[in-house]
Amino acid sequence: MVRTGPRNLISDVAGLRVGNASDARLKSGVTTVLCDEPAVAGVQILGGAPGTRETDLLEPHNSVETIHAVVLSGGSAFGLDAASGVQAALRERGIGFEVGGFRVPIVPAAILFDLRNGGDKGWSRFPPYRDLGYESVQAATVDFQLGTAGAGTGALTSGLKGGLGSASTLLDNGVTIGALAAVNPTGSVTVGRSRHFWAAPFEIGNEFGGLGYPSPMPDDAKRISLKYRDRQMETGGNTTIAVIATDAVLTKAAAKRLAISAHDGFVRAIWPTHTPADGDLVFALATGKSGIRLEADAAIDLYAAAGATMARAISRGVFAATPDDNDLFPVWSSRR
């Protein structure tokens, strides 16, 4: 039987905490994953319009082996400032990669586009994301809000509000895997305009409604539904950004493979995905806290679980979204 961790959150992976900071007026926010100790990391970008910081250093052939935090932010390119706020908070705590007597926190980041979502983006000289990043570190804990929170605050999907989702899986060999996603795709997470999630086969219990697949499939199941098809869709006006994490011991190359596998969850949960209008990205983290090094067969189980856990996290983000003033789209719970 497939089991979740005790919280069904990415923080079930030992050594990780998550902090959200949101601004309801702005309809945007920041989510930071903090590593209690430096973690091996990787990244895979498959969307056509990504916005990132410090992703090159995560490639297996580059020198830095571990990182201190990962940031997911709204705000399009303005949101990349959030990583500076996280970096400042970590520097205050004496956390960082030591170089020539200085400590430099290593904080990769990715952003999603939530500028056109009904929020007030009329900030003054500097956007608020650096401060939101700093606040997210102060809020970091093992229990955190899903749905309209953090980087998912202003997220939208095709026809529904998006949100911040998370899930975890306990493997039979004792390894834990967890996923976190800020869900803002151009595509849809539901079968047509039904309440049924594309990721239904991977659901554990009733974590996103327990509805399964519709039977029969609705007539519009095969219709491609895009967020802005009727609103002059702009390339890059979307994006799902995510983190997949495990307590297994992985190399940087294996962490990259984990990030690649987690993209299977995008395919299982969102249709269409990885388009030129999305900046779809997955960071991978390996804390090594379990002490377990995986042989070939066990590694396959881990990579399979990465896709399934990510699909569940994506669905839970939309499932948990809550309504606010000036919303452009309804929440899933209002769909009948």
Protein backbone atom coordinates (compact mmCIF):
# COMPACT_ATOMS: atom_id res chain seq x y z
CA MET A 1 0.00 0.00 0.00
CA VAL A 2 1.28 3.47 -0.92
CA ARG A 3 1.53 5.69 2.15
CA THR A 4 2.01 9.38 2.72
CA GLY A 5 4.29 10.86 5.33
CA PRO A 6 2.76 12.05 8.62
CA ARG A 7 2.02 15.54 7.25
CA ASN A 8 1.69 14.70 3.55
CA LEU A 9 4.02 17.63 2.91
CA ILE A 10 7.53 18.03 1.50
CA SER A 11 8.65 18.72 5.08
CA ASP A 12 8.18 15.01 5.81
CA VAL A 13 11.64 14.78 4.22
CA ALA A 14 13.99 15.10 7.20
CA GLY A 15 16.08 18.24 7.14
CA LEU A 16 13.64 20.53 5.32
CA ARG A 17 11.36 23.36 6.44
CA VAL A 18 9.10 25.60 4.36
CA GLY A 19 8.19 29.25 4.83
CA ASN A 20 5.44 31.23 3.09
CA ALA A 21 5.09 34.99 2.82
CA SER A 22 2.06 36.47 1.03
CA ASP A 23 0.55 39.84 0.20
CA ALA A 24 -3.21 39.60 -0.40
CA ARG A 25 -3.42 43.09 -1.95
CA LEU A 26 -0.58 42.26 -4.33
CA LYS A 27 -2.03 38.77 -4.97
CA SER A 28 1.46 37.33 -4.91
CA GLY A 29 3.99 35.82 -2.58
CA VAL A 30 7.09 33.76 -1.94
CA THR A 31 7.75 30.22 -0.73
CA THR A 32 11.17 29.17 0.53
CA VAL A 33 12.43 25.65 1.22
CA LEU A 34 15.17 25.82 3.86
CA CYS A 35 17.75 23.09 4.28
CA ASP A 36 18.75 22.53 7.92
CA GLU A 37 22.10 21.40 6.54
CA PRO A 38 23.42 21.98 3.00
CA ALA A 39 21.69 19.60 0.57
CA VAL A 40 22.75 18.10 -2.74
CA ALA A 41 20.65 19.68 -5.49
CA GLY A 42 19.78 19.55 -9.16
CA VAL A 43 17.38 21.18 -11.60
CA GLN A 44 15.55 20.40 -14.82
CA ILE A 45 13.85 23.08 -16.94
CA LEU A 46 11.42 21.90 -19.62
CA GLY A 47 9.19 24.94 -20.10
CA GLY A 48 9.89 27.40 -22.89
CA ALA A 49 9.81 30.59 -20.80
CA PRO A 50 11.69 30.12 -17.52
CA GLY A 51 12.82 32.79 -15.07
CA THR A 52 15.64 31.63 -12.81
CA ARG A 53 18.59 32.47 -10.58
CA GLU A 54 21.65 30.30 -9.79
CA THR A 55 20.49 27.30 -11.82
CA ASP A 56 23.74 26.86 -13.77
CA LEU A 57 25.68 25.97 -10.61
CA LEU A 58 23.32 23.01 -10.06
CA GLU A 59 24.56 21.17 -13.14
CA PRO A 60 26.52 18.04 -12.15
CA HIS A 61 29.73 19.20 -13.84
CA ASN A 62 29.90 22.45 -11.84
CA SER A 63 31.79 22.92 -8.59
CA VAL A 64 29.29 23.75 -5.84
CA GLU A 65 27.95 20.46 -4.45
CA THR A 66 25.29 21.65 -2.01
CA ILE A 67 22.87 24.53 -1.46
CA HIS A 68 21.16 26.17 1.51
CA ALA A 69 17.67 27.04 0.25
CA VAL A 70 15.40 27.10 -2.79
CA VAL A 71 13.01 29.95 -3.55
CA LEU A 72 9.74 29.84 -5.51
CA SER A 73 8.26 33.28 -6.14
CA GLY A 74 5.49 35.10 -7.92
CA GLY A 75 6.13 38.41 -9.62
CA SER A 76 7.62 37.31 -12.92
CA ALA A 77 11.22 38.56 -13.24
CA PHE A 78 10.63 41.04 -10.42
CA GLY A 79 10.23 38.03 -8.11
CA LEU A 80 13.86 37.03 -8.53
CA ASP A 81 14.56 39.67 -5.87
CA ALA A 82 13.06 37.25 -3.33
CA ALA A 83 16.26 35.20 -3.33
CA SER A 84 18.22 38.26 -2.18
CA GLY A 85 15.93 38.56 0.82
CA VAL A 86 16.39 34.88 1.64
CA GLN A 87 20.14 35.24 1.21
CA ALA A 88 20.16 38.21 3.62
CA ALA A 89 18.24 36.24 6.26
CA LEU A 90 20.61 33.28 5.98
CA ARG A 91 23.68 35.53 6.15
CA GLU A 92 22.36 36.96 9.42
CA ARG A 93 22.33 33.40 10.76
CA GLY A 94 25.90 32.73 9.64
CA ILE A 95 24.76 30.26 6.98
CA GLY A 96 26.62 30.02 3.69
CA PHE A 97 29.33 28.54 1.50
CA GLU A 98 32.71 29.64 2.84
CA VAL A 99 34.85 31.45 0.29
CA GLY A 100 37.98 33.35 1.33
CA GLY A 101 36.72 33.98 4.84
CA PHE A 102 33.25 35.01 3.70
CA ARG A 103 30.02 33.01 3.91
CA VAL A 104 27.83 33.14 0.81
CA PRO A 105 24.38 31.50 1.04
CA ILE A 106 23.63 29.52 -2.12
CA VAL A 107 19.97 30.17 -2.99
CA PRO A 108 18.69 29.09 -6.42
CA ALA A 109 15.30 30.53 -7.35
CA ALA A 110 12.55 30.39 -9.95
CA ILE A 111 9.58 32.62 -10.65
CA LEU A 112 6.09 32.36 -12.10
CA PHE A 113 4.02 35.02 -13.85
CA ASP A 114 1.19 36.36 -11.69
CA LEU A 115 1.25 40.04 -12.64
CA ARG A 116 -2.09 39.98 -14.45
CA ASN A 117 -4.31 38.37 -11.81
CA GLY A 118 -6.35 41.22 -10.32
CA GLY A 119 -3.84 42.23 -7.66
CA ASP A 120 -2.44 45.71 -7.09
CA LYS A 121 1.03 45.74 -8.65
CA GLY A 122 1.51 49.47 -8.18
CA TRP A 123 4.60 49.25 -5.98
CA SER A 124 6.93 52.24 -5.81
CA ARG A 125 10.61 52.17 -6.80
CA PHE A 126 11.41 48.62 -5.71
CA PRO A 127 9.15 45.57 -5.90
CA PRO A 128 8.30 43.93 -2.55
CA TYR A 129 9.76 40.51 -3.26
CA ARG A 130 13.06 40.95 -1.43
CA ASP A 131 11.14 41.70 1.78
CA LEU A 132 8.76 38.81 1.14
CA GLY A 133 11.73 36.50 0.70
CA TYR A 134 13.19 37.65 4.01
CA GLU A 135 9.81 37.12 5.72
CA SER A 136 9.49 33.62 4.29
CA VAL A 137 12.67 32.53 6.08
CA GLN A 138 11.34 33.81 9.40
CA ALA A 139 8.13 31.83 8.83
CA ALA A 140 9.83 28.53 7.95
CA THR A 141 8.40 25.48 9.73
CA VAL A 142 7.47 21.87 9.06
CA ASP A 143 3.75 22.74 8.91
CA PHE A 144 2.69 25.28 6.31
CA GLN A 145 -0.40 26.40 4.41
CA LEU A 146 -1.38 25.08 1.00
CA GLY A 147 -3.54 26.68 -1.66
CA THR A 148 -3.67 30.48 -1.72
CA ALA A 149 -0.38 30.96 0.09
CA GLY A 150 3.24 31.82 -0.62
CA ALA A 151 4.21 31.53 -4.27
CA GLY A 152 0.75 30.14 -4.99
CA THR A 153 -1.08 33.23 -3.73
CA GLY A 154 -1.81 34.66 -7.16
CA ALA A 155 -1.48 31.53 -9.28
CA LEU A 156 -4.05 30.68 -11.96
CA THR A 157 -4.72 27.67 -14.16
CA SER A 158 -7.02 27.30 -17.15
CA GLY A 159 -10.40 28.20 -15.68
CA LEU A 160 -9.51 27.88 -11.98
CA LYS A 161 -7.31 29.50 -9.38
CA GLY A 162 -4.02 27.71 -8.91
CA GLY A 163 -2.13 27.50 -5.66
CA LEU A 164 0.67 26.02 -3.60
CA GLY A 165 0.53 22.23 -3.28
CA SER A 166 2.59 19.60 -1.51
CA ALA A 167 2.60 15.85 -0.95
CA SER A 168 4.85 13.08 0.34
CA THR A 169 5.36 9.34 -0.13
CA LEU A 170 6.99 6.76 2.13
CA LEU A 171 8.74 4.01 0.17
CA ASP A 172 8.96 0.45 1.45
CA ASN A 173 12.74 0.75 1.78
CA GLY A 174 12.41 3.55 4.34
CA VAL A 175 13.11 6.46 1.98
CA THR A 176 10.81 9.48 2.00
CA ILE A 177 10.11 11.61 -1.06
CA GLY A 178 8.21 14.91 -1.04
CA ALA A 179 7.03 17.44 -3.58
CA LEU A 180 6.13 21.13 -3.50
CA ALA A 181 4.59 23.00 -6.43
CA ALA A 182 3.39 26.53 -7.17
CA VAL A 183 0.75 25.74 -9.78
CA ASN A 184 0.25 28.42 -12.44
CA PRO A 185 0.10 26.61 -15.81
CA THR A 186 -1.44 27.69 -19.07
CA GLY A 187 -3.16 24.28 -19.16
CA SER A 188 -5.81 22.61 -17.04
CA VAL A 189 -5.49 20.28 -14.03
CA THR A 190 -9.03 18.91 -14.41
CA VAL A 191 -10.63 16.69 -17.03
CA GLY A 192 -12.43 19.20 -19.23
CA ARG A 193 -14.57 21.47 -17.07
CA SER A 194 -15.34 18.70 -14.61
CA ARG A 195 -14.26 18.53 -10.95
CA HIS A 196 -12.12 15.45 -11.66
CA PHE A 197 -8.35 15.84 -11.58
CA TRP A 198 -6.11 14.45 -14.31
CA ALA A 199 -3.87 13.07 -11.53
CA ALA A 200 -6.70 10.96 -10.05
CA PRO A 201 -4.97 7.54 -10.47
CA PHE A 202 -2.20 8.65 -8.10
CA GLU A 203 -4.42 10.08 -5.36
CA ILE A 204 -3.95 8.65 -1.86
CA GLY A 205 -7.18 8.63 0.11
CA ASN A 206 -9.22 11.76 -0.51
CA GLU A 207 -6.33 14.22 -0.58
CA PHE A 208 -7.84 16.15 -3.49
CA GLY A 209 -11.48 15.11 -3.37
CA GLY A 210 -11.37 11.36 -3.95
CA LEU A 211 -13.44 11.63 -7.14
CA GLY A 212 -11.38 9.41 -9.44
CA TYR A 213 -11.92 9.77 -13.19
CA PRO A 214 -15.35 10.65 -14.58
CA SER A 215 -17.29 7.84 -16.20
CA PRO A 216 -18.04 8.28 -18.98
CA MET A 217 -15.39 10.82 -19.90
CA PRO A 218 -16.97 14.22 -20.66
CA ASP A 219 -17.21 15.39 -24.25
CA ASP A 220 -14.73 18.18 -23.60
CA ALA A 221 -12.03 15.92 -22.10
CA LYS A 222 -9.92 16.11 -25.26
CA ARG A 223 -10.40 19.82 -25.81
CA ILE A 224 -7.25 21.82 -25.19
CA SER A 225 -8.10 24.41 -22.57
CA LEU A 226 -5.66 27.31 -22.18
CA LYS A 227 -5.72 29.98 -19.49
CA TYR A 228 -5.60 32.97 -21.82
CA ARG A 229 -6.95 31.55 -25.09
CA ASP A 230 -9.68 34.19 -25.05
CA ARG A 231 -7.45 36.82 -23.42
CA GLN A 232 -4.59 37.24 -25.90
CA MET A 233 -2.24 34.72 -24.30
CA GLU A 234 1.30 36.00 -23.90
CA THR A 235 4.28 33.68 -24.06
CA GLY A 236 5.66 33.30 -20.57
CA GLY A 237 2.47 34.37 -18.78
CA ASN A 238 2.22 31.09 -16.89
CA THR A 239 4.58 28.49 -15.32
CA THR A 240 4.52 25.73 -12.71
CA ILE A 241 7.63 25.77 -10.52
CA ALA A 242 8.35 22.95 -8.11
CA VAL A 243 10.72 21.15 -5.76
CA ILE A 244 11.13 17.38 -5.42
CA ALA A 245 13.05 16.23 -2.35
CA THR A 246 14.22 13.03 -0.69
CA ASP A 247 16.13 11.92 2.39
CA ALA A 248 18.07 9.36 0.32
CA VAL A 249 21.79 9.86 -0.34
CA LEU A 250 22.19 11.10 -3.93
CA THR A 251 24.96 12.52 -6.07
CA LYS A 252 24.41 15.73 -8.02
CA ALA A 253 23.87 13.67 -11.18
CA ALA A 254 21.26 11.51 -9.42
CA ALA A 255 19.56 14.67 -8.10
CA LYS A 256 19.26 15.96 -11.64
CA ARG A 257 17.74 12.63 -12.67
CA LEU A 258 15.26 13.02 -9.81
CA ALA A 259 14.26 16.46 -11.13
CA ILE A 260 13.83 15.01 -14.63
CA SER A 261 11.60 12.23 -13.30
CA ALA A 262 9.48 14.65 -11.31
CA HIS A 263 8.47 16.33 -14.56
CA ASP A 264 6.47 13.15 -15.27
CA GLY A 265 4.14 14.45 -12.56
CA PHE A 266 3.53 17.61 -14.58
CA VAL A 267 2.48 15.47 -17.53
CA ARG A 268 0.17 13.37 -15.34
CA ALA A 269 -1.47 16.38 -13.65
CA ILE A 270 -1.59 19.20 -16.24
CA TRP A 271 -2.70 19.19 -19.86
CA PRO A 272 -1.06 20.66 -21.83
CA THR A 273 2.24 21.29 -20.06
CA HIS A 274 5.84 22.16 -20.99
CA THR A 275 4.58 24.60 -23.62
CA PRO A 276 6.39 27.65 -25.03
CA ALA A 277 4.11 29.74 -22.78
CA ASP A 278 5.23 27.98 -19.56
CA GLY A 279 8.53 28.19 -17.70
CA ASP A 280 8.09 24.77 -16.10
CA LEU A 281 10.95 23.86 -13.75
CA VAL A 282 11.73 21.34 -11.01
CA PHE A 283 14.46 21.71 -8.40
CA ALA A 284 15.63 18.51 -6.67
CA LEU A 285 17.00 18.27 -3.13
CA ALA A 286 18.62 15.30 -1.41
CA THR A 287 19.21 15.77 2.32
CA GLY A 288 20.73 12.30 2.80
CA LYS A 289 19.19 12.14 6.30
CA SER A 290 18.03 8.53 5.90
CA GLY A 291 21.58 7.37 5.19
CA ILE A 292 20.18 5.08 2.47
CA ARG A 293 22.06 4.72 -0.80
CA LEU A 294 19.87 3.23 -3.50
CA GLU A 295 20.75 0.32 -5.75
CA ALA A 296 19.41 0.20 -9.30
CA ASP A 297 15.96 -1.29 -8.62
CA ALA A 298 15.33 0.94 -5.61
CA ALA A 299 16.39 3.97 -7.63
CA ILE A 300 13.73 3.19 -10.21
CA ASP A 301 11.13 3.10 -7.43
CA LEU A 302 12.34 6.50 -6.24
CA TYR A 303 12.11 8.06 -9.69
CA ALA A 304 8.64 6.58 -10.27
CA ALA A 305 7.50 7.95 -6.92
CA ALA A 306 8.88 11.37 -7.87
CA GLY A 307 6.40 11.67 -10.74
CA ALA A 308 3.45 10.36 -8.75
CA THR A 309 4.17 12.55 -5.73
CA MET A 310 4.56 15.63 -7.90
CA ALA A 311 1.24 14.95 -9.65
CA ARG A 312 -0.48 14.78 -6.26
CA ALA A 313 1.18 17.99 -5.05
CA ILE A 314 0.03 19.87 -8.15
CA SER A 315 -3.57 18.71 -7.69
CA ARG A 316 -3.56 19.53 -3.98
CA GLY A 317 -2.48 23.09 -4.73
CA VAL A 318 -5.54 23.73 -6.89
CA PHE A 319 -7.82 21.74 -4.57
CA ALA A 320 -6.83 23.91 -1.57
CA ALA A 321 -7.16 27.34 -3.22
CA THR A 322 -9.47 29.82 -1.49
CA PRO A 323 -11.38 32.81 -2.95
CA ASP A 324 -10.32 36.45 -2.55
CA ASP A 325 -11.57 39.81 -3.77
CA ASN A 326 -10.95 40.64 -7.43
CA ASP A 327 -10.21 37.03 -8.40
CA LEU A 328 -10.19 36.46 -12.15
CA PHE A 329 -11.10 32.78 -11.87
CA PRO A 330 -13.13 30.71 -9.39
CA VAL A 331 -11.67 28.16 -6.97
CA TRP A 332 -12.02 24.41 -7.48
CA SER A 333 -14.36 24.03 -4.48
CA SER A 334 -16.94 26.24 -6.22
CA ARG A 335 -17.13 24.04 -9.33
CA ARG A 336 -20.22 21.82 -9.51
